[in-house]
Amino acid sequence: MASWSVVTRSPRQTAAWGQRLGELLEGGEIVGLVGELGAGKTCFVRGLVQGAGVGEKAWIRSPSFTLINEYHGRVPIYHIDLYRIGTAEELDGLNLRECLYSDGVSVIEWFERLPSGEVDEYIEVRMEFCGPTGRRLTFTAHGGRYEETLERLKEEGFRAGSRDDARAKTAG
């Protein structure tokens, strides 16, 4: 199980990590998001969806009430929110397995509410507060197919972050 963390300093940086991940996804992946209310899950998804080829003008909103939002880009994205799900019957009523085992990418907020053992392989993104706008994003690959994806994300993300930092220092 490969795992690594990065600290972002703004919602824009959090979304940028989502975008970088979205650019690497090919379809059929599951991305589980874990974190408190306001930790940046939907912000991260906005970037991921953009990276997957959904237009910048698309209205990416939390599916807290709709439970599943679907977006069409290079690959279909199923943005799922389990916050309001309280029972296994409610979960079954979502027909969640149709999303999880499709050719699209399932991005699940409140992933910890998914019943244990429902999925074996996935990318977990744990988000923790680091000050008012900072977040610690911890990426963990559960399953071999995701280890390579996260390694590519790490390499590209830190390379891009170094370029961004250099630009900020030059511009400042």
N, C-alpha and C. Protein backbone atom coordinates (compact mmCIF):
# COMPACT_ATOMS: atom_id res chain seq x y z
N MET A 1 0.85 -1.17 0.00
CA MET A 1 0.00 0.00 0.00
C MET A 1 0.90 1.24 0.00
N ALA A 2 0.99 1.89 -1.15
CA ALA A 2 1.80 3.10 -1.28
C ALA A 2 1.03 4.29 -0.74
N SER A 3 1.74 5.18 -0.02
CA SER A 3 1.09 6.34 0.58
C SER A 3 2.08 7.49 0.66
N TRP A 4 1.60 8.72 0.45
CA TRP A 4 2.41 9.92 0.60
C TRP A 4 1.48 11.10 0.80
N SER A 5 2.03 12.21 1.31
CA SER A 5 1.23 13.39 1.64
C SER A 5 1.84 14.65 1.03
N VAL A 6 0.99 15.63 0.87
CA VAL A 6 1.39 16.96 0.44
C VAL A 6 0.54 17.96 1.21
N VAL A 7 1.09 19.12 1.51
CA VAL A 7 0.32 20.18 2.17
C VAL A 7 0.06 21.26 1.14
N THR A 8 -1.22 21.61 0.99
CA THR A 8 -1.60 22.71 0.10
C THR A 8 -1.84 23.95 0.96
N ARG A 9 -1.68 25.11 0.35
CA ARG A 9 -1.83 26.36 1.08
C ARG A 9 -3.09 27.14 0.70
N SER A 10 -3.85 26.60 -0.27
CA SER A 10 -5.03 27.33 -0.73
C SER A 10 -5.99 26.36 -1.41
N PRO A 11 -7.26 26.75 -1.53
CA PRO A 11 -8.21 25.93 -2.29
C PRO A 11 -7.72 25.70 -3.74
N ARG A 12 -7.08 26.70 -4.31
CA ARG A 12 -6.58 26.57 -5.68
C ARG A 12 -5.55 25.44 -5.78
N GLN A 13 -4.65 25.35 -4.80
CA GLN A 13 -3.66 24.27 -4.82
C GLN A 13 -4.32 22.91 -4.58
N THR A 14 -5.32 22.87 -3.72
CA THR A 14 -6.05 21.61 -3.49
C THR A 14 -6.70 21.15 -4.78
N ALA A 15 -7.37 22.07 -5.48
CA ALA A 15 -8.00 21.73 -6.76
C ALA A 15 -6.95 21.31 -7.80
N ALA A 16 -5.77 21.92 -7.76
CA ALA A 16 -4.71 21.58 -8.72
C ALA A 16 -4.27 20.13 -8.55
N TRP A 17 -4.19 19.65 -7.31
CA TRP A 17 -3.85 18.23 -7.10
C TRP A 17 -4.97 17.34 -7.63
N GLY A 18 -6.21 17.76 -7.45
CA GLY A 18 -7.33 17.01 -8.04
C GLY A 18 -7.23 16.97 -9.56
N GLN A 19 -6.90 18.12 -10.15
CA GLN A 19 -6.78 18.19 -11.60
C GLN A 19 -5.69 17.25 -12.11
N ARG A 20 -4.55 17.25 -11.42
CA ARG A 20 -3.45 16.37 -11.82
C ARG A 20 -3.88 14.90 -11.77
N LEU A 21 -4.62 14.54 -10.73
CA LEU A 21 -5.10 13.16 -10.64
C LEU A 21 -6.09 12.89 -11.77
N GLY A 22 -7.02 13.80 -12.00
CA GLY A 22 -8.01 13.63 -13.06
C GLY A 22 -7.37 13.42 -14.43
N GLU A 23 -6.25 14.06 -14.68
CA GLU A 23 -5.55 13.90 -15.95
C GLU A 23 -5.00 12.50 -16.13
N LEU A 24 -4.74 11.79 -15.03
CA LEU A 24 -4.17 10.44 -15.09
C LEU A 24 -5.22 9.34 -15.17
N LEU A 25 -6.46 9.65 -14.84
CA LEU A 25 -7.49 8.62 -14.79
C LEU A 25 -7.96 8.24 -16.19
N GLU A 26 -8.18 6.94 -16.36
CA GLU A 26 -8.54 6.41 -17.68
C GLU A 26 -9.94 5.83 -17.72
N GLY A 27 -10.58 5.69 -16.59
CA GLY A 27 -11.91 5.09 -16.53
C GLY A 27 -11.86 3.78 -15.76
N GLY A 28 -12.89 3.53 -14.98
CA GLY A 28 -12.95 2.32 -14.17
C GLY A 28 -12.33 2.48 -12.80
N GLU A 29 -11.81 3.66 -12.47
CA GLU A 29 -11.18 3.86 -11.16
C GLU A 29 -12.19 4.29 -10.11
N ILE A 30 -11.79 4.05 -8.86
CA ILE A 30 -12.57 4.49 -7.70
C ILE A 30 -11.65 5.36 -6.84
N VAL A 31 -12.12 6.57 -6.53
CA VAL A 31 -11.36 7.50 -5.70
C VAL A 31 -12.21 7.80 -4.47
N GLY A 32 -11.72 7.42 -3.30
CA GLY A 32 -12.44 7.64 -2.05
C GLY A 32 -11.89 8.84 -1.31
N LEU A 33 -12.75 9.80 -0.98
CA LEU A 33 -12.35 11.01 -0.28
C LEU A 33 -12.80 10.95 1.17
N VAL A 34 -11.87 11.21 2.09
CA VAL A 34 -12.14 11.15 3.52
C VAL A 34 -11.70 12.47 4.14
N GLY A 35 -12.57 13.06 4.95
CA GLY A 35 -12.22 14.30 5.62
C GLY A 35 -13.44 14.94 6.24
N GLU A 36 -13.21 15.82 7.20
CA GLU A 36 -14.30 16.51 7.90
C GLU A 36 -15.04 17.44 6.94
N LEU A 37 -16.19 17.93 7.41
CA LEU A 37 -16.90 18.96 6.66
C LEU A 37 -15.97 20.15 6.43
N GLY A 38 -15.94 20.65 5.22
CA GLY A 38 -15.12 21.81 4.91
C GLY A 38 -13.65 21.51 4.65
N ALA A 39 -13.28 20.24 4.62
CA ALA A 39 -11.87 19.89 4.45
C ALA A 39 -11.37 20.04 3.02
N GLY A 40 -12.28 20.25 2.07
CA GLY A 40 -11.86 20.47 0.69
C GLY A 40 -12.20 19.36 -0.29
N LYS A 41 -13.08 18.45 0.10
CA LYS A 41 -13.41 17.33 -0.77
C LYS A 41 -14.01 17.79 -2.10
N THR A 42 -15.01 18.65 -2.04
CA THR A 42 -15.65 19.12 -3.27
C THR A 42 -14.69 19.99 -4.08
N CYS A 43 -13.86 20.77 -3.43
CA CYS A 43 -12.84 21.57 -4.10
C CYS A 43 -11.90 20.65 -4.89
N PHE A 44 -11.47 19.58 -4.27
CA PHE A 44 -10.60 18.61 -4.92
C PHE A 44 -11.30 18.00 -6.13
N VAL A 45 -12.60 17.67 -5.97
CA VAL A 45 -13.36 17.07 -7.06
C VAL A 45 -13.48 18.05 -8.23
N ARG A 46 -13.66 19.33 -7.95
CA ARG A 46 -13.73 20.32 -9.04
C ARG A 46 -12.49 20.23 -9.92
N GLY A 47 -11.33 20.13 -9.29
CA GLY A 47 -10.09 19.98 -10.06
C GLY A 47 -10.03 18.66 -10.79
N LEU A 48 -10.41 17.58 -10.13
CA LEU A 48 -10.37 16.25 -10.73
C LEU A 48 -11.25 16.21 -11.98
N VAL A 49 -12.44 16.75 -11.87
CA VAL A 49 -13.38 16.75 -12.99
C VAL A 49 -12.80 17.55 -14.16
N GLN A 50 -12.19 18.67 -13.86
CA GLN A 50 -11.56 19.47 -14.92
C GLN A 50 -10.44 18.67 -15.58
N GLY A 51 -9.63 17.99 -14.77
CA GLY A 51 -8.54 17.17 -15.30
C GLY A 51 -9.04 16.02 -16.16
N ALA A 52 -10.26 15.57 -15.92
CA ALA A 52 -10.84 14.48 -16.70
C ALA A 52 -11.52 15.00 -17.97
N GLY A 53 -11.38 16.29 -18.25
CA GLY A 53 -11.86 16.82 -19.51
C GLY A 53 -13.24 17.44 -19.49
N VAL A 54 -13.84 17.61 -18.32
CA VAL A 54 -15.11 18.31 -18.24
C VAL A 54 -14.79 19.80 -18.34
N GLY A 55 -15.55 20.55 -19.09
CA GLY A 55 -15.27 21.95 -19.33
C GLY A 55 -15.15 22.77 -18.05
N GLU A 56 -14.33 23.80 -18.11
CA GLU A 56 -14.11 24.68 -16.95
C GLU A 56 -15.38 25.37 -16.48
N LYS A 57 -16.32 25.54 -17.38
CA LYS A 57 -17.55 26.26 -17.03
C LYS A 57 -18.61 25.35 -16.41
N ALA A 58 -18.34 24.05 -16.33
CA ALA A 58 -19.31 23.13 -15.72
C ALA A 58 -19.51 23.48 -14.26
N TRP A 59 -20.73 23.40 -13.81
CA TRP A 59 -21.06 23.70 -12.41
C TRP A 59 -20.85 22.43 -11.59
N ILE A 60 -19.75 22.35 -10.89
CA ILE A 60 -19.42 21.19 -10.07
C ILE A 60 -19.84 21.53 -8.65
N ARG A 61 -20.84 20.82 -8.17
CA ARG A 61 -21.39 21.09 -6.84
C ARG A 61 -21.40 19.81 -6.03
N SER A 62 -21.46 19.98 -4.75
CA SER A 62 -21.53 18.82 -3.86
C SER A 62 -22.85 18.09 -4.07
N PRO A 63 -22.81 16.78 -4.21
CA PRO A 63 -24.04 16.03 -4.39
C PRO A 63 -24.69 15.64 -3.05
N SER A 64 -24.60 16.51 -2.05
CA SER A 64 -25.13 16.21 -0.72
C SER A 64 -26.61 15.84 -0.76
N PHE A 65 -27.38 16.48 -1.64
CA PHE A 65 -28.82 16.21 -1.69
C PHE A 65 -29.20 15.31 -2.85
N THR A 66 -28.48 15.43 -3.98
CA THR A 66 -28.77 14.56 -5.12
C THR A 66 -28.10 13.21 -4.97
N LEU A 67 -27.09 13.11 -4.16
CA LEU A 67 -26.31 11.93 -3.82
C LEU A 67 -25.34 11.49 -4.91
N ILE A 68 -25.73 11.62 -6.20
CA ILE A 68 -24.81 11.29 -7.29
C ILE A 68 -24.97 12.35 -8.38
N ASN A 69 -23.86 12.99 -8.75
CA ASN A 69 -23.83 13.88 -9.90
C ASN A 69 -22.97 13.22 -10.96
N GLU A 70 -23.39 13.30 -12.20
CA GLU A 70 -22.65 12.71 -13.29
C GLU A 70 -22.16 13.81 -14.22
N TYR A 71 -20.89 13.72 -14.60
CA TYR A 71 -20.27 14.68 -15.49
C TYR A 71 -19.64 13.94 -16.66
N HIS A 72 -19.69 14.56 -17.83
CA HIS A 72 -19.15 13.92 -19.03
C HIS A 72 -17.97 14.71 -19.56
N GLY A 73 -16.85 14.04 -19.66
CA GLY A 73 -15.63 14.61 -20.21
C GLY A 73 -14.93 13.53 -21.00
N ARG A 74 -13.63 13.46 -20.90
CA ARG A 74 -12.85 12.41 -21.54
C ARG A 74 -13.29 11.04 -21.04
N VAL A 75 -13.63 10.97 -19.76
CA VAL A 75 -14.24 9.78 -19.14
C VAL A 75 -15.43 10.26 -18.31
N PRO A 76 -16.46 9.42 -18.16
CA PRO A 76 -17.57 9.82 -17.29
C PRO A 76 -17.10 9.86 -15.84
N ILE A 77 -17.60 10.84 -15.10
CA ILE A 77 -17.28 10.98 -13.68
C ILE A 77 -18.58 10.86 -12.89
N TYR A 78 -18.59 9.98 -11.89
CA TYR A 78 -19.72 9.84 -10.97
C TYR A 78 -19.26 10.40 -9.63
N HIS A 79 -19.78 11.57 -9.29
CA HIS A 79 -19.43 12.26 -8.04
C HIS A 79 -20.49 11.87 -7.02
N ILE A 80 -20.10 11.09 -6.04
CA ILE A 80 -21.02 10.46 -5.10
C ILE A 80 -20.76 11.02 -3.70
N ASP A 81 -21.84 11.31 -2.97
CA ASP A 81 -21.73 11.82 -1.60
C ASP A 81 -22.52 10.91 -0.68
N LEU A 82 -21.84 10.28 0.26
CA LEU A 82 -22.49 9.33 1.17
C LEU A 82 -22.83 9.94 2.52
N TYR A 83 -22.68 11.26 2.67
CA TYR A 83 -22.89 11.91 3.96
C TYR A 83 -24.28 11.63 4.53
N ARG A 84 -25.29 11.67 3.72
CA ARG A 84 -26.67 11.52 4.19
C ARG A 84 -27.17 10.07 4.19
N ILE A 85 -26.31 9.14 3.82
CA ILE A 85 -26.72 7.73 3.78
C ILE A 85 -26.55 7.14 5.17
N GLY A 86 -27.63 6.58 5.71
CA GLY A 86 -27.58 6.06 7.07
C GLY A 86 -27.72 4.56 7.18
N THR A 87 -28.30 3.92 6.16
CA THR A 87 -28.54 2.48 6.26
C THR A 87 -28.10 1.77 4.98
N ALA A 88 -27.92 0.46 5.09
CA ALA A 88 -27.55 -0.35 3.93
C ALA A 88 -28.66 -0.31 2.88
N GLU A 89 -29.91 -0.21 3.32
CA GLU A 89 -31.03 -0.16 2.39
C GLU A 89 -30.98 1.12 1.55
N GLU A 90 -30.63 2.24 2.19
CA GLU A 90 -30.49 3.49 1.45
C GLU A 90 -29.37 3.39 0.43
N LEU A 91 -28.29 2.77 0.82
CA LEU A 91 -27.16 2.59 -0.08
C LEU A 91 -27.55 1.71 -1.26
N ASP A 92 -28.25 0.63 -0.99
CA ASP A 92 -28.72 -0.25 -2.07
C ASP A 92 -29.65 0.49 -3.02
N GLY A 93 -30.45 1.41 -2.50
CA GLY A 93 -31.38 2.17 -3.32
C GLY A 93 -30.68 3.10 -4.31
N LEU A 94 -29.42 3.40 -4.08
CA LEU A 94 -28.68 4.27 -5.00
C LEU A 94 -28.21 3.55 -6.26
N ASN A 95 -28.27 2.23 -6.27
CA ASN A 95 -27.69 1.45 -7.38
C ASN A 95 -26.22 1.84 -7.58
N LEU A 96 -25.53 1.99 -6.46
CA LEU A 96 -24.16 2.46 -6.45
C LEU A 96 -23.22 1.55 -7.24
N ARG A 97 -23.49 0.28 -7.23
CA ARG A 97 -22.60 -0.67 -7.91
C ARG A 97 -22.55 -0.41 -9.42
N GLU A 98 -23.62 0.15 -9.98
CA GLU A 98 -23.61 0.49 -11.40
C GLU A 98 -22.55 1.54 -11.69
N CYS A 99 -22.31 2.45 -10.77
CA CYS A 99 -21.27 3.46 -10.93
C CYS A 99 -19.89 2.86 -10.62
N LEU A 100 -19.80 2.14 -9.50
CA LEU A 100 -18.52 1.62 -9.04
C LEU A 100 -17.86 0.69 -10.05
N TYR A 101 -18.65 -0.08 -10.74
CA TYR A 101 -18.09 -1.10 -11.63
C TYR A 101 -18.36 -0.79 -13.09
N SER A 102 -18.39 0.51 -13.41
CA SER A 102 -18.61 0.95 -14.79
C SER A 102 -17.27 1.35 -15.41
N ASP A 103 -17.35 1.88 -16.62
CA ASP A 103 -16.15 2.38 -17.29
C ASP A 103 -15.83 3.81 -16.86
N GLY A 104 -16.69 4.40 -16.02
CA GLY A 104 -16.45 5.75 -15.55
C GLY A 104 -15.58 5.75 -14.30
N VAL A 105 -15.34 6.94 -13.79
CA VAL A 105 -14.57 7.13 -12.56
C VAL A 105 -15.56 7.47 -11.46
N SER A 106 -15.54 6.71 -10.38
CA SER A 106 -16.39 7.00 -9.21
C SER A 106 -15.56 7.74 -8.18
N VAL A 107 -15.99 8.96 -7.85
CA VAL A 107 -15.32 9.78 -6.84
C VAL A 107 -16.30 9.91 -5.69
N ILE A 108 -15.94 9.38 -4.52
CA ILE A 108 -16.89 9.22 -3.42
C ILE A 108 -16.48 10.05 -2.21
N GLU A 109 -17.29 11.08 -1.91
CA GLU A 109 -17.10 11.84 -0.68
C GLU A 109 -17.69 11.05 0.48
N TRP A 110 -17.06 11.14 1.65
CA TRP A 110 -17.46 10.38 2.83
C TRP A 110 -17.32 8.87 2.56
N PHE A 111 -16.19 8.55 1.94
CA PHE A 111 -15.90 7.18 1.53
C PHE A 111 -15.95 6.20 2.70
N GLU A 112 -15.61 6.69 3.89
CA GLU A 112 -15.61 5.81 5.06
C GLU A 112 -16.99 5.26 5.38
N ARG A 113 -18.04 5.82 4.79
CA ARG A 113 -19.41 5.33 5.02
C ARG A 113 -19.80 4.21 4.07
N LEU A 114 -18.93 3.91 3.12
CA LEU A 114 -19.16 2.77 2.24
C LEU A 114 -18.92 1.50 3.06
N PRO A 115 -19.80 0.52 2.96
CA PRO A 115 -19.60 -0.69 3.75
C PRO A 115 -18.24 -1.34 3.51
N SER A 116 -17.62 -1.78 4.58
CA SER A 116 -16.32 -2.44 4.51
C SER A 116 -16.41 -3.62 3.54
N GLY A 117 -15.43 -3.72 2.67
CA GLY A 117 -15.38 -4.83 1.72
C GLY A 117 -16.15 -4.59 0.43
N GLU A 118 -16.83 -3.46 0.32
CA GLU A 118 -17.58 -3.17 -0.92
C GLU A 118 -16.64 -3.06 -2.11
N VAL A 119 -15.50 -2.42 -1.91
CA VAL A 119 -14.49 -2.33 -2.97
C VAL A 119 -13.15 -2.78 -2.40
N ASP A 120 -12.38 -3.45 -3.22
CA ASP A 120 -11.07 -3.94 -2.78
C ASP A 120 -9.95 -3.01 -3.19
N GLU A 121 -10.07 -2.41 -4.37
CA GLU A 121 -9.00 -1.56 -4.89
C GLU A 121 -9.53 -0.16 -5.13
N TYR A 122 -8.77 0.84 -4.69
CA TYR A 122 -9.18 2.23 -4.84
C TYR A 122 -8.04 3.13 -4.43
N ILE A 123 -8.18 4.41 -4.78
CA ILE A 123 -7.28 5.44 -4.29
C ILE A 123 -8.01 6.16 -3.16
N GLU A 124 -7.36 6.29 -2.04
CA GLU A 124 -7.92 7.06 -0.92
C GLU A 124 -7.20 8.40 -0.85
N VAL A 125 -7.98 9.47 -0.73
CA VAL A 125 -7.41 10.79 -0.52
C VAL A 125 -7.98 11.29 0.81
N ARG A 126 -7.13 11.35 1.82
CA ARG A 126 -7.53 11.82 3.15
C ARG A 126 -7.14 13.29 3.26
N MET A 127 -8.10 14.11 3.69
CA MET A 127 -7.88 15.55 3.77
C MET A 127 -8.01 16.01 5.21
N GLU A 128 -6.99 16.75 5.65
CA GLU A 128 -6.97 17.25 7.02
C GLU A 128 -6.66 18.74 7.02
N PHE A 129 -7.25 19.46 7.95
CA PHE A 129 -7.00 20.90 8.08
C PHE A 129 -5.57 21.15 8.52
N CYS A 130 -4.94 22.15 7.89
CA CYS A 130 -3.61 22.66 8.29
C CYS A 130 -3.71 24.18 8.26
N GLY A 131 -4.42 24.73 9.20
CA GLY A 131 -4.63 26.18 9.21
C GLY A 131 -5.91 26.54 8.46
N PRO A 132 -6.18 27.83 8.34
CA PRO A 132 -7.44 28.28 7.76
C PRO A 132 -7.64 27.88 6.29
N THR A 133 -6.56 27.91 5.48
CA THR A 133 -6.71 27.55 4.07
C THR A 133 -5.86 26.35 3.68
N GLY A 134 -4.97 25.91 4.55
CA GLY A 134 -4.09 24.79 4.24
C GLY A 134 -4.76 23.45 4.49
N ARG A 135 -4.37 22.49 3.69
CA ARG A 135 -4.87 21.12 3.84
C ARG A 135 -3.72 20.14 3.63
N ARG A 136 -3.72 19.08 4.42
CA ARG A 136 -2.80 17.96 4.19
C ARG A 136 -3.60 16.92 3.41
N LEU A 137 -3.11 16.60 2.21
CA LEU A 137 -3.72 15.58 1.38
C LEU A 137 -2.83 14.35 1.46
N THR A 138 -3.39 13.24 1.92
CA THR A 138 -2.64 12.00 1.99
C THR A 138 -3.25 11.04 0.98
N PHE A 139 -2.44 10.66 0.00
CA PHE A 139 -2.86 9.78 -1.07
C PHE A 139 -2.39 8.36 -0.74
N THR A 140 -3.32 7.40 -0.79
CA THR A 140 -2.97 6.01 -0.51
C THR A 140 -3.55 5.11 -1.59
N ALA A 141 -2.70 4.27 -2.15
CA ALA A 141 -3.12 3.30 -3.16
C ALA A 141 -3.52 2.01 -2.46
N HIS A 142 -4.73 1.58 -2.68
CA HIS A 142 -5.20 0.28 -2.19
C HIS A 142 -5.35 -0.61 -3.41
N GLY A 143 -4.35 -1.42 -3.64
CA GLY A 143 -4.36 -2.30 -4.82
C GLY A 143 -3.30 -1.88 -5.81
N GLY A 144 -2.72 -2.87 -6.44
CA GLY A 144 -1.60 -2.67 -7.35
C GLY A 144 -1.87 -1.73 -8.51
N ARG A 145 -3.07 -1.76 -9.05
CA ARG A 145 -3.35 -0.92 -10.23
C ARG A 145 -3.24 0.57 -9.90
N TYR A 146 -3.38 0.92 -8.62
CA TYR A 146 -3.36 2.33 -8.25
C TYR A 146 -1.97 2.83 -7.82
N GLU A 147 -1.07 1.92 -7.52
CA GLU A 147 0.25 2.34 -7.08
C GLU A 147 0.99 3.12 -8.17
N GLU A 148 0.92 2.63 -9.40
CA GLU A 148 1.57 3.33 -10.51
C GLU A 148 0.93 4.70 -10.73
N THR A 149 -0.39 4.77 -10.66
CA THR A 149 -1.08 6.06 -10.83
C THR A 149 -0.61 7.06 -9.80
N LEU A 150 -0.53 6.64 -8.54
CA LEU A 150 -0.11 7.57 -7.49
C LEU A 150 1.36 7.94 -7.60
N GLU A 151 2.17 7.03 -8.09
CA GLU A 151 3.59 7.35 -8.29
C GLU A 151 3.72 8.41 -9.38
N ARG A 152 2.96 8.26 -10.46
CA ARG A 152 2.97 9.27 -11.53
C ARG A 152 2.44 10.61 -11.02
N LEU A 153 1.38 10.56 -10.21
CA LEU A 153 0.82 11.79 -9.64
C LEU A 153 1.86 12.49 -8.77
N LYS A 154 2.54 11.73 -7.95
CA LYS A 154 3.55 12.29 -7.06
C LYS A 154 4.66 12.97 -7.86
N GLU A 155 5.19 12.27 -8.85
CA GLU A 155 6.28 12.82 -9.65
C GLU A 155 5.83 14.08 -10.39
N GLU A 156 4.71 14.01 -11.08
CA GLU A 156 4.23 15.16 -11.85
C GLU A 156 3.80 16.30 -10.93
N GLY A 157 3.14 15.96 -9.83
CA GLY A 157 2.65 16.99 -8.92
C GLY A 157 3.77 17.78 -8.28
N PHE A 158 4.79 17.10 -7.83
CA PHE A 158 5.89 17.82 -7.20
C PHE A 158 6.69 18.61 -8.24
N ARG A 159 6.81 18.06 -9.45
CA ARG A 159 7.48 18.79 -10.53
C ARG A 159 6.70 20.07 -10.84
N ALA A 160 5.38 19.95 -10.99
CA ALA A 160 4.54 21.12 -11.26
C ALA A 160 4.55 22.09 -10.09
N GLY A 161 4.53 21.56 -8.87
CA GLY A 161 4.57 22.40 -7.69
C GLY A 161 5.85 23.21 -7.61
N SER A 162 6.97 22.61 -7.99
CA SER A 162 8.24 23.33 -8.00
C SER A 162 8.19 24.46 -9.01
N ARG A 163 7.59 24.19 -10.18
CA ARG A 163 7.46 25.25 -11.20
C ARG A 163 6.56 26.36 -10.67
N ASP A 164 5.45 25.98 -10.02
CA ASP A 164 4.51 26.98 -9.47
C ASP A 164 5.20 27.83 -8.41
N ASP A 165 5.97 27.19 -7.51
CA ASP A 165 6.69 27.92 -6.47
C ASP A 165 7.70 28.89 -7.07
N ALA A 166 8.40 28.45 -8.12
CA ALA A 166 9.39 29.30 -8.77
C ALA A 166 8.71 30.51 -9.40
N ARG A 167 7.54 30.28 -10.03
CA ARG A 167 6.79 31.39 -10.63
C ARG A 167 6.35 32.36 -9.56
N ALA A 168 5.87 31.86 -8.43
CA ALA A 168 5.39 32.72 -7.36
C ALA A 168 6.53 33.58 -6.81
N LYS A 169 7.71 32.98 -6.65
CA LYS A 169 8.86 33.73 -6.15
C LYS A 169 9.28 34.80 -7.16
N THR A 170 9.23 34.43 -8.46
CA THR A 170 9.61 35.39 -9.50
C THR A 170 8.59 36.52 -9.58
N ALA A 171 7.30 36.16 -9.49
CA ALA A 171 6.24 37.17 -9.61
C ALA A 171 6.18 38.05 -8.37
N GLY A 172 6.58 37.53 -7.21
CA GLY A 172 6.46 38.26 -5.95
C GLY A 172 7.51 39.23 -5.80
